């Protein structure tokens, strides 16, 4: 086998260039859509991509290991922890319906 140092150096250069292009593209889009004040947020693009990759791999591993288990964000009152009181919906009709019925 040959010297792997050159391979890893090339891989590092490609990785750095790809991240630089990603940041530049995010900055260009931010400036075009929102103005220069939003351009510094483009520096968070590599972190965002890394978190996306982590979540994707985690989901894929969970899908292979236990395909019928699904982690989800609790949205319904019955999914909330018992310490959080459920929100009681009001049964009053909208104001427009009350005004229309009064006529």
Protein backbone atom coordinates (compact mmCIF):
# COMPACT_ATOMS: atom_id res chain seq x y z
CA UNK A 1 0.00 0.00 0.00
CA UNK A 2 1.08 3.52 -0.70
CA UNK A 3 1.32 6.53 1.50
CA UNK A 4 -2.12 7.31 2.93
CA UNK A 5 -0.98 10.73 4.17
CA UNK A 6 -1.49 12.23 0.71
CA UNK A 7 -4.98 10.73 0.53
CA UNK A 8 -6.02 12.19 3.88
CA UNK A 9 -4.52 15.56 2.98
CA UNK A 10 -6.52 15.61 -0.26
CA UNK A 11 -9.65 14.54 1.63
CA UNK A 12 -9.12 17.35 4.14
CA UNK A 13 -8.65 19.92 1.36
CA UNK A 14 -11.84 18.75 -0.40
CA UNK A 15 -13.75 18.82 2.91
CA UNK A 16 -12.54 22.36 3.69
CA UNK A 17 -13.39 23.61 0.19
CA UNK A 18 -16.84 22.04 0.30
CA UNK A 19 -17.58 23.67 3.66
CA UNK A 20 -16.29 27.03 2.41
CA UNK A 21 -18.56 26.81 -0.63
CA UNK A 22 -21.48 25.85 1.60
CA UNK A 23 -20.91 28.88 3.85
CA UNK A 24 -20.53 31.18 0.85
CA UNK A 25 -23.75 29.90 -0.71
CA UNK A 26 -25.67 30.31 2.56
CA UNK A 27 -24.25 33.84 2.94
CA UNK A 28 -25.21 34.73 -0.64
CA UNK A 29 -28.76 33.50 -0.08
CA UNK A 30 -29.01 35.34 3.25
CA UNK A 31 -27.84 38.60 1.72
CA UNK A 32 -30.18 38.26 -1.24
CA UNK A 33 -33.24 37.41 0.88
CA UNK A 34 -32.70 39.30 4.14
CA UNK A 35 -29.74 41.68 3.79
CA UNK A 36 -26.20 41.83 5.10
CA UNK A 37 -27.23 41.57 8.75
CA UNK A 38 -28.07 37.88 8.23
CA UNK A 39 -24.83 36.92 6.47
CA UNK A 40 -22.87 35.95 9.64
CA UNK A 41 -25.44 33.23 10.38
CA UNK A 42 -24.09 31.38 7.35
CA UNK A 43 -21.12 30.37 9.51
CA UNK A 44 -23.45 27.96 11.30
CA UNK A 45 -24.08 26.02 8.07
CA UNK A 46 -21.46 23.31 8.71
CA UNK A 47 -22.88 22.72 12.20
CA UNK A 48 -26.37 22.50 10.72
CA UNK A 49 -25.23 19.95 8.13
CA UNK A 50 -23.42 17.91 10.78
CA UNK A 51 -26.55 17.81 12.96
CA UNK A 52 -28.65 16.79 9.95
CA UNK A 53 -26.21 13.99 9.18
CA UNK A 54 -26.25 12.79 12.77
CA UNK A 55 -30.05 12.75 12.86
CA UNK A 56 -30.22 10.92 9.54
CA UNK A 57 -27.80 8.20 10.63
CA UNK A 58 -29.56 7.86 13.97
CA UNK A 59 -32.91 7.46 12.23
CA UNK A 60 -31.52 4.92 9.78
CA UNK A 61 -29.97 2.85 12.57
CA UNK A 62 -33.22 2.95 14.55
CA UNK A 63 -35.15 1.94 11.43
CA UNK A 64 -32.93 -1.11 10.93
CA UNK A 65 -32.87 -2.14 14.59
CA UNK A 66 -36.54 -1.61 15.46
CA UNK A 67 -38.65 -0.66 12.44
CA UNK A 68 -41.97 -0.42 14.33
CA UNK A 69 -40.75 1.96 17.02
CA UNK A 70 -41.10 5.64 16.24
CA UNK A 71 -39.77 8.52 18.31
CA UNK A 72 -41.91 11.59 17.92
CA UNK A 73 -42.42 14.95 19.52
CA UNK A 74 -45.37 14.95 21.93
CA UNK A 75 -48.09 17.17 20.52
CA UNK A 76 -51.34 15.93 22.01
CA UNK A 77 -52.33 16.49 25.63
CA UNK A 78 -52.26 12.75 26.36
CA UNK A 79 -48.62 12.58 25.15
CA UNK A 80 -47.41 15.24 27.60
CA UNK A 81 -45.80 14.31 30.90
CA UNK A 82 -48.27 14.13 33.80
CA UNK A 83 -46.79 17.27 35.44
CA UNK A 84 -48.05 19.46 32.59
CA UNK A 85 -51.78 20.20 32.87
CA UNK A 86 -53.68 19.63 29.62
CA UNK A 87 -55.12 22.63 27.84
CA UNK A 88 -58.91 22.64 27.93
CA UNK A 89 -60.46 23.71 24.65
CA UNK A 90 -63.34 26.14 24.80
CA UNK A 91 -66.58 25.12 23.17
CA UNK A 92 -67.77 28.66 22.51
CA UNK A 93 -68.59 29.39 18.89
CA UNK A 94 -66.62 32.10 17.06
CA UNK A 95 -67.84 35.68 17.49
CA UNK A 96 -69.07 35.82 13.89
CA UNK A 97 -71.44 32.89 14.49
CA UNK A 98 -72.87 34.54 17.62
CA UNK A 99 -73.44 37.84 15.81
CA UNK A 100 -75.03 36.07 12.84
CA UNK A 101 -77.40 34.12 15.12
CA UNK A 102 -78.44 37.34 16.90
CA UNK A 103 -79.70 38.89 13.66
